Amino acid sequence: MEWPSQSPRLNLIEHLWEELEKCVFGIRARNADQKFSQLQTAWAQIPQSLLTNLIQSMPKRCQAVIDL
């Protein structure tokens, strides 16, 4: 049984990781420092509107989990 507190619906960082993965998918890094740099660049390019939408959607997400 999946515990509601562990639900991906409530874990905003999972959505942000997904966005980062899309940005760096297919870009090879020679080492960990280069990959870190790629991720930092991708993070800076995430639109503020995406973050705002994720935060504003939390009440609806919480209610959906409660209703399960």
PDB file of N, CA and C in Angstrom:
ATOM      1  N   MET A   1       0.845  -1.182   0.000  1.00  0.00           N
ATOM      2  CA  MET A   1       0.000   0.000   0.000  1.00  0.00           C
ATOM      3  C   MET A   1       0.889   1.244   0.000  1.00  0.00           C
ATOM      4  N   GLU A   2       0.573   2.179  -0.850  1.00  0.00           N
ATOM      5  CA  GLU A   2       1.323   3.435  -0.914  1.00  0.00           C
ATOM      6  C   GLU A   2       0.775   4.395   0.130  1.00  0.00           C
ATOM      7  N   TRP A   3       1.674   4.922   0.932  1.00  0.00           N
ATOM      8  CA  TRP A   3       1.272   5.882   1.951  1.00  0.00           C
ATOM      9  C   TRP A   3       1.072   7.239   1.302  1.00  0.00           C
ATOM     10  N   PRO A   4      -0.010   7.942   1.616  1.00  0.00           N
ATOM     11  CA  PRO A   4      -0.266   9.244   1.010  1.00  0.00           C
ATOM     12  C   PRO A   4       0.885  10.227   1.171  1.00  0.00           C
ATOM     13  N   SER A   5       1.593  10.182   2.294  1.00  0.00           N
ATOM     14  CA  SER A   5       2.690  11.132   2.492  1.00  0.00           C
ATOM     15  C   SER A   5       3.839  10.866   1.525  1.00  0.00           C
ATOM     16  N   GLN A   6       3.877   9.659   0.953  1.00  0.00           N
ATOM     17  CA  GLN A   6       4.913   9.305  -0.010  1.00  0.00           C
ATOM     18  C   GLN A   6       4.427   9.442  -1.458  1.00  0.00           C
ATOM     19  N   SER A   7       3.233   9.926  -1.621  1.00  0.00           N
ATOM     20  CA  SER A   7       2.641  10.029  -2.948  1.00  0.00           C
ATOM     21  C   SER A   7       3.425  10.991  -3.823  1.00  0.00           C
ATOM     22  N   PRO A   8       3.710  10.578  -5.068  1.00  0.00           N
ATOM     23  CA  PRO A   8       4.388  11.502  -5.997  1.00  0.00           C
ATOM     24  C   PRO A   8       3.581  12.768  -6.239  1.00  0.00           C
ATOM     25  N   ARG A   9       2.281  12.674  -6.049  1.00  0.00           N
ATOM     26  CA  ARG A   9       1.444  13.866  -6.225  1.00  0.00           C
ATOM     27  C   ARG A   9       1.802  14.965  -5.241  1.00  0.00           C
ATOM     28  N   LEU A  10       2.318  14.571  -4.074  1.00  0.00           N
ATOM     29  CA  LEU A  10       2.648  15.554  -3.050  1.00  0.00           C
ATOM     30  C   LEU A  10       4.126  15.919  -3.030  1.00  0.00           C
ATOM     31  N   ASN A  11       4.909  15.279  -3.853  1.00  0.00           N
ATOM     32  CA  ASN A  11       6.349  15.495  -3.839  1.00  0.00           C
ATOM     33  C   ASN A  11       6.746  16.396  -5.011  1.00  0.00           C
ATOM     34  N   LEU A  12       6.774  17.696  -4.759  1.00  0.00           N
ATOM     35  CA  LEU A  12       7.071  18.656  -5.821  1.00  0.00           C
ATOM     36  C   LEU A  12       8.470  18.479  -6.396  1.00  0.00           C
ATOM     37  N   ILE A  13       9.413  18.025  -5.579  1.00  0.00           N
ATOM     38  CA  ILE A  13      10.780  17.880  -6.074  1.00  0.00           C
ATOM     39  C   ILE A  13      10.836  16.840  -7.193  1.00  0.00           C
ATOM     40  N   GLU A  14       9.947  15.843  -7.147  1.00  0.00           N
ATOM     41  CA  GLU A  14       9.912  14.853  -8.224  1.00  0.00           C
ATOM     42  C   GLU A  14       9.562  15.515  -9.555  1.00  0.00           C
ATOM     43  N   HIS A  15       8.659  16.470  -9.529  1.00  0.00           N
ATOM     44  CA  HIS A  15       8.282  17.191 -10.750  1.00  0.00           C
ATOM     45  C   HIS A  15       9.443  18.053 -11.242  1.00  0.00           C
ATOM     46  N   LEU A  16      10.169  18.638 -10.312  1.00  0.00           N
ATOM     47  CA  LEU A  16      11.324  19.454 -10.701  1.00  0.00           C
ATOM     48  C   LEU A  16      12.440  18.582 -11.255  1.00  0.00           C
ATOM     49  N   TRP A  17      12.668  17.417 -10.649  1.00  0.00           N
ATOM     50  CA  TRP A  17      13.679  16.494 -11.177  1.00  0.00           C
ATOM     51  C   TRP A  17      13.314  16.079 -12.600  1.00  0.00           C
ATOM     52  N   GLU A  18      12.036  15.827 -12.834  1.00  0.00           N
ATOM     53  CA  GLU A  18      11.584  15.449 -14.170  1.00  0.00           C
ATOM     54  C   GLU A  18      11.907  16.554 -15.179  1.00  0.00           C
ATOM     55  N   GLU A  19      11.668  17.785 -14.773  1.00  0.00           N
ATOM     56  CA  GLU A  19      11.967  18.924 -15.645  1.00  0.00           C
ATOM     57  C   GLU A  19      13.474  19.017 -15.922  1.00  0.00           C
ATOM     58  N   LEU A  20      14.283  18.832 -14.886  1.00  0.00           N
ATOM     59  CA  LEU A  20      15.734  18.847 -15.068  1.00  0.00           C
ATOM     60  C   LEU A  20      16.191  17.729 -15.996  1.00  0.00           C
ATOM     61  N   GLU A  21      15.621  16.550 -15.817  1.00  0.00           N
ATOM     62  CA  GLU A  21      15.997  15.417 -16.669  1.00  0.00           C
ATOM     63  C   GLU A  21      15.696  15.704 -18.136  1.00  0.00           C
ATOM     64  N   LYS A  22      14.555  16.358 -18.394  1.00  0.00           N
ATOM     65  CA  LYS A  22      14.212  16.727 -19.767  1.00  0.00           C
ATOM     66  C   LYS A  22      15.264  17.673 -20.349  1.00  0.00           C
ATOM     67  N   CYS A  23      15.727  18.600 -19.532  1.00  0.00           N
ATOM     68  CA  CYS A  23      16.681  19.608 -20.005  1.00  0.00           C
ATOM     69  C   CYS A  23      18.052  19.018 -20.322  1.00  0.00           C
ATOM     70  N   VAL A  24      18.482  18.034 -19.572  1.00  0.00           N
ATOM     71  CA  VAL A  24      19.837  17.505 -19.761  1.00  0.00           C
ATOM     72  C   VAL A  24      19.859  16.148 -20.462  1.00  0.00           C
ATOM     73  N   PHE A  25      18.676  15.644 -20.837  1.00  0.00           N
ATOM     74  CA  PHE A  25      18.604  14.350 -21.506  1.00  0.00           C
ATOM     75  C   PHE A  25      19.420  14.384 -22.794  1.00  0.00           C
ATOM     76  N   GLY A  26      20.257  13.407 -22.966  1.00  0.00           N
ATOM     77  CA  GLY A  26      21.056  13.291 -24.186  1.00  0.00           C
ATOM     78  C   GLY A  26      22.323  14.123 -24.189  1.00  0.00           C
ATOM     79  N   ILE A  27      22.538  14.917 -23.165  1.00  0.00           N
ATOM     80  CA  ILE A  27      23.761  15.713 -23.070  1.00  0.00           C
ATOM     81  C   ILE A  27      24.757  14.931 -22.219  1.00  0.00           C
ATOM     82  N   ARG A  28      25.834  14.586 -22.821  1.00  0.00           N
ATOM     83  CA  ARG A  28      26.840  13.794 -22.102  1.00  0.00           C
ATOM     84  C   ARG A  28      27.750  14.699 -21.275  1.00  0.00           C
ATOM     85  N   ALA A  29      28.175  14.162 -20.156  1.00  0.00           N
ATOM     86  CA  ALA A  29      29.125  14.860 -19.291  1.00  0.00           C
ATOM     87  C   ALA A  29      30.358  13.978 -19.155  1.00  0.00           C
ATOM     88  N   ARG A  30      31.508  14.602 -19.151  1.00  0.00           N
ATOM     89  CA  ARG A  30      32.761  13.841 -19.019  1.00  0.00           C
ATOM     90  C   ARG A  30      33.035  13.432 -17.584  1.00  0.00           C
ATOM     91  N   ASN A  31      32.452  14.193 -16.643  1.00  0.00           N
ATOM     92  CA  ASN A  31      32.688  13.898 -15.228  1.00  0.00           C
ATOM     93  C   ASN A  31      31.554  14.502 -14.392  1.00  0.00           C
ATOM     94  N   ALA A  32      31.610  14.257 -13.101  1.00  0.00           N
ATOM     95  CA  ALA A  32      30.552  14.726 -12.200  1.00  0.00           C
ATOM     96  C   ALA A  32      30.473  16.248 -12.158  1.00  0.00           C
ATOM     97  N   ASP A  33      31.621  16.920 -12.234  1.00  0.00           N
ATOM     98  CA  ASP A  33      31.610  18.390 -12.200  1.00  0.00           C
ATOM     99  C   ASP A  33      30.889  18.961 -13.414  1.00  0.00           C
ATOM    100  N   GLN A  34      31.118  18.363 -14.566  1.00  0.00           N
ATOM    101  CA  GLN A  34      30.455  18.839 -15.774  1.00  0.00           C
ATOM    102  C   GLN A  34      28.945  18.582 -15.693  1.00  0.00           C
ATOM    103  N   LYS A  35      28.548  17.427 -15.182  1.00  0.00           N
ATOM    104  CA  LYS A  35      27.119  17.137 -15.038  1.00  0.00           C
ATOM    105  C   LYS A  35      26.479  18.105 -14.041  1.00  0.00           C
ATOM    106  N   PHE A  36      27.184  18.390 -12.953  1.00  0.00           N
ATOM    107  CA  PHE A  36      26.672  19.346 -11.970  1.00  0.00           C
ATOM    108  C   PHE A  36      26.461  20.708 -12.617  1.00  0.00           C
ATOM    109  N   SER A  37      27.406  21.123 -13.434  1.00  0.00           N
ATOM    110  CA  SER A  37      27.292  22.401 -14.134  1.00  0.00           C
ATOM    111  C   SER A  37      26.083  22.401 -15.081  1.00  0.00           C
ATOM    112  N   GLN A  38      25.879  21.292 -15.774  1.00  0.00           N
ATOM    113  CA  GLN A  38      24.727  21.183 -16.673  1.00  0.00           C
ATOM    114  C   GLN A  38      23.419  21.286 -15.886  1.00  0.00           C
ATOM    115  N   LEU A  39      23.369  20.625 -14.748  1.00  0.00           N
ATOM    116  CA  LEU A  39      22.168  20.668 -13.922  1.00  0.00           C
ATOM    117  C   LEU A  39      21.923  22.065 -13.353  1.00  0.00           C
ATOM    118  N   GLN A  40      22.992  22.749 -12.960  1.00  0.00           N
ATOM    119  CA  GLN A  40      22.847  24.122 -12.458  1.00  0.00           C
ATOM    120  C   GLN A  40      22.277  25.029 -13.542  1.00  0.00           C
ATOM    121  N   THR A  41      22.780  24.888 -14.750  1.00  0.00           N
ATOM    122  CA  THR A  41      22.293  25.696 -15.863  1.00  0.00           C
ATOM    123  C   THR A  41      20.822  25.396 -16.137  1.00  0.00           C
ATOM    124  N   ALA A  42      20.476  24.118 -16.150  1.00  0.00           N
ATOM    125  CA  ALA A  42      19.091  23.716 -16.386  1.00  0.00           C
ATOM    126  C   ALA A  42      18.182  24.252 -15.280  1.00  0.00           C
ATOM    127  N   TRP A  43      18.650  24.176 -14.036  1.00  0.00           N
ATOM    128  CA  TRP A  43      17.866  24.667 -12.901  1.00  0.00           C
ATOM    129  C   TRP A  43      17.560  26.156 -13.066  1.00  0.00           C
ATOM    130  N   ALA A  44      18.559  26.916 -13.487  1.00  0.00           N
ATOM    131  CA  ALA A  44      18.377  28.363 -13.659  1.00  0.00           C
ATOM    132  C   ALA A  44      17.394  28.676 -14.785  1.00  0.00           C
ATOM    133  N   GLN A  45      17.193  27.723 -15.693  1.00  0.00           N
ATOM    134  CA  GLN A  45      16.315  27.948 -16.841  1.00  0.00           C
ATOM    135  C   GLN A  45      14.875  27.487 -16.606  1.00  0.00           C
ATOM    136  N   ILE A  46      14.615  26.873 -15.462  1.00  0.00           N
ATOM    137  CA  ILE A  46      13.240  26.465 -15.164  1.00  0.00           C
ATOM    138  C   ILE A  46      12.401  27.723 -14.995  1.00  0.00           C
ATOM    139  N   PRO A  47      11.340  27.847 -15.759  1.00  0.00           N
ATOM    140  CA  PRO A  47      10.528  29.060 -15.677  1.00  0.00           C
ATOM    141  C   PRO A  47       9.886  29.238 -14.297  1.00  0.00           C
ATOM    142  N   GLN A  48       9.875  30.449 -13.841  1.00  0.00           N
ATOM    143  CA  GLN A  48       9.249  30.764 -12.556  1.00  0.00           C
ATOM    144  C   GLN A  48       7.786  30.359 -12.561  1.00  0.00           C
ATOM    145  N   SER A  49       7.163  30.441 -13.726  1.00  0.00           N
ATOM    146  CA  SER A  49       5.743  30.086 -13.829  1.00  0.00           C
ATOM    147  C   SER A  49       5.514  28.607 -13.499  1.00  0.00           C
ATOM    148  N   LEU A  50       6.459  27.734 -13.838  1.00  0.00           N
ATOM    149  CA  LEU A  50       6.333  26.317 -13.493  1.00  0.00           C
ATOM    150  C   LEU A  50       6.362  26.140 -11.983  1.00  0.00           C
ATOM    151  N   LEU A  51       7.299  26.819 -11.334  1.00  0.00           N
ATOM    152  CA  LEU A  51       7.383  26.734  -9.873  1.00  0.00           C
ATOM    153  C   LEU A  51       6.117  27.269  -9.223  1.00  0.00           C
ATOM    154  N   THR A  52       5.637  28.383  -9.721  1.00  0.00           N
ATOM    155  CA  THR A  52       4.418  28.985  -9.181  1.00  0.00           C
ATOM    156  C   THR A  52       3.232  28.043  -9.354  1.00  0.00           C
ATOM    157  N   ASN A  53       3.112  27.443 -10.541  1.00  0.00           N
ATOM    158  CA  ASN A  53       2.002  26.518 -10.790  1.00  0.00           C
ATOM    159  C   ASN A  53       2.073  25.311  -9.876  1.00  0.00           C
ATOM    160  N   LEU A  54       3.254  24.774  -9.661  1.00  0.00           N
ATOM    161  CA  LEU A  54       3.402  23.627  -8.768  1.00  0.00           C
ATOM    162  C   LEU A  54       2.968  23.979  -7.346  1.00  0.00           C
ATOM    163  N   ILE A  55       3.412  25.130  -6.881  1.00  0.00           N
ATOM    164  CA  ILE A  55       3.066  25.548  -5.520  1.00  0.00           C
ATOM    165  C   ILE A  55       1.571  25.815  -5.403  1.00  0.00           C
ATOM    166  N   GLN A  56       1.003  26.502  -6.375  1.00  0.00           N
ATOM    167  CA  GLN A  56      -0.416  26.827  -6.317  1.00  0.00           C
ATOM    168  C   GLN A  56      -1.304  25.592  -6.462  1.00  0.00           C
ATOM    169  N   SER A  57      -0.770  24.536  -7.054  1.00  0.00           N
ATOM    170  CA  SER A  57      -1.567  23.323  -7.237  1.00  0.00           C
ATOM    171  C   SER A  57      -1.573  22.425  -5.998  1.00  0.00           C
ATOM    172  N   MET A  58      -0.793  22.768  -4.984  1.00  0.00           N
ATOM    173  CA  MET A  58      -0.696  21.908  -3.801  1.00  0.00           C
ATOM    174  C   MET A  58      -2.029  21.660  -3.087  1.00  0.00           C
ATOM    175  N   PRO A  59      -2.873  22.661  -2.873  1.00  0.00           N
ATOM    176  CA  PRO A  59      -4.155  22.357  -2.207  1.00  0.00           C
ATOM    177  C   PRO A  59      -4.959  21.311  -2.966  1.00  0.00           C
ATOM    178  N   LYS A  60      -4.999  21.437  -4.288  1.00  0.00           N
ATOM    179  CA  LYS A  60      -5.729  20.469  -5.107  1.00  0.00           C
ATOM    180  C   LYS A  60      -5.072  19.090  -5.011  1.00  0.00           C
ATOM    181  N   ARG A  61      -3.746  19.033  -5.034  1.00  0.00           N
ATOM    182  CA  ARG A  61      -3.032  17.758  -4.929  1.00  0.00           C
ATOM    183  C   ARG A  61      -3.303  17.107  -3.574  1.00  0.00           C
ATOM    184  N   CYS A  62      -3.260  17.891  -2.516  1.00  0.00           N
ATOM    185  CA  CYS A  62      -3.527  17.350  -1.172  1.00  0.00           C
ATOM    186  C   CYS A  62      -4.933  16.784  -1.087  1.00  0.00           C
ATOM    187  N   GLN A  63      -5.890  17.520  -1.629  1.00  0.00           N
ATOM    188  CA  GLN A  63      -7.277  17.044  -1.586  1.00  0.00           C
ATOM    189  C   GLN A  63      -7.429  15.760  -2.380  1.00  0.00           C
ATOM    190  N   ALA A  64      -6.744  15.645  -3.516  1.00  0.00           N
ATOM    191  CA  ALA A  64      -6.820  14.418  -4.325  1.00  0.00           C
ATOM    192  C   ALA A  64      -6.303  13.220  -3.555  1.00  0.00           C
ATOM    193  N   VAL A  65      -5.231  13.411  -2.793  1.00  0.00           N
ATOM    194  CA  VAL A  65      -4.677  12.315  -1.995  1.00  0.00           C
ATOM    195  C   VAL A  65      -5.622  11.972  -0.842  1.00  0.00           C
ATOM    196  N   ILE A  66      -6.201  12.971  -0.220  1.00  0.00           N
ATOM    197  CA  ILE A  66      -7.155  12.740   0.868  1.00  0.00           C
ATOM    198  C   ILE A  66      -8.349  11.945   0.349  1.00  0.00           C
ATOM    199  N   ASP A  67      -8.774  12.266  -0.870  1.00  0.00           N
ATOM    200  CA  ASP A  67      -9.950  11.608  -1.452  1.00  0.00           C
ATOM    201  C   ASP A  67      -9.682  10.164  -1.892  1.00  0.00           C
ATOM    202  N   LEU A  68      -8.431   9.743  -1.903  1.00  0.00           N
ATOM    203  CA  LEU A  68      -8.125   8.365  -2.341  1.00  0.00           C
ATOM    204  C   LEU A  68      -8.740   7.338  -1.463  1.00  0.00           C
TER     205      LEU A  68
END
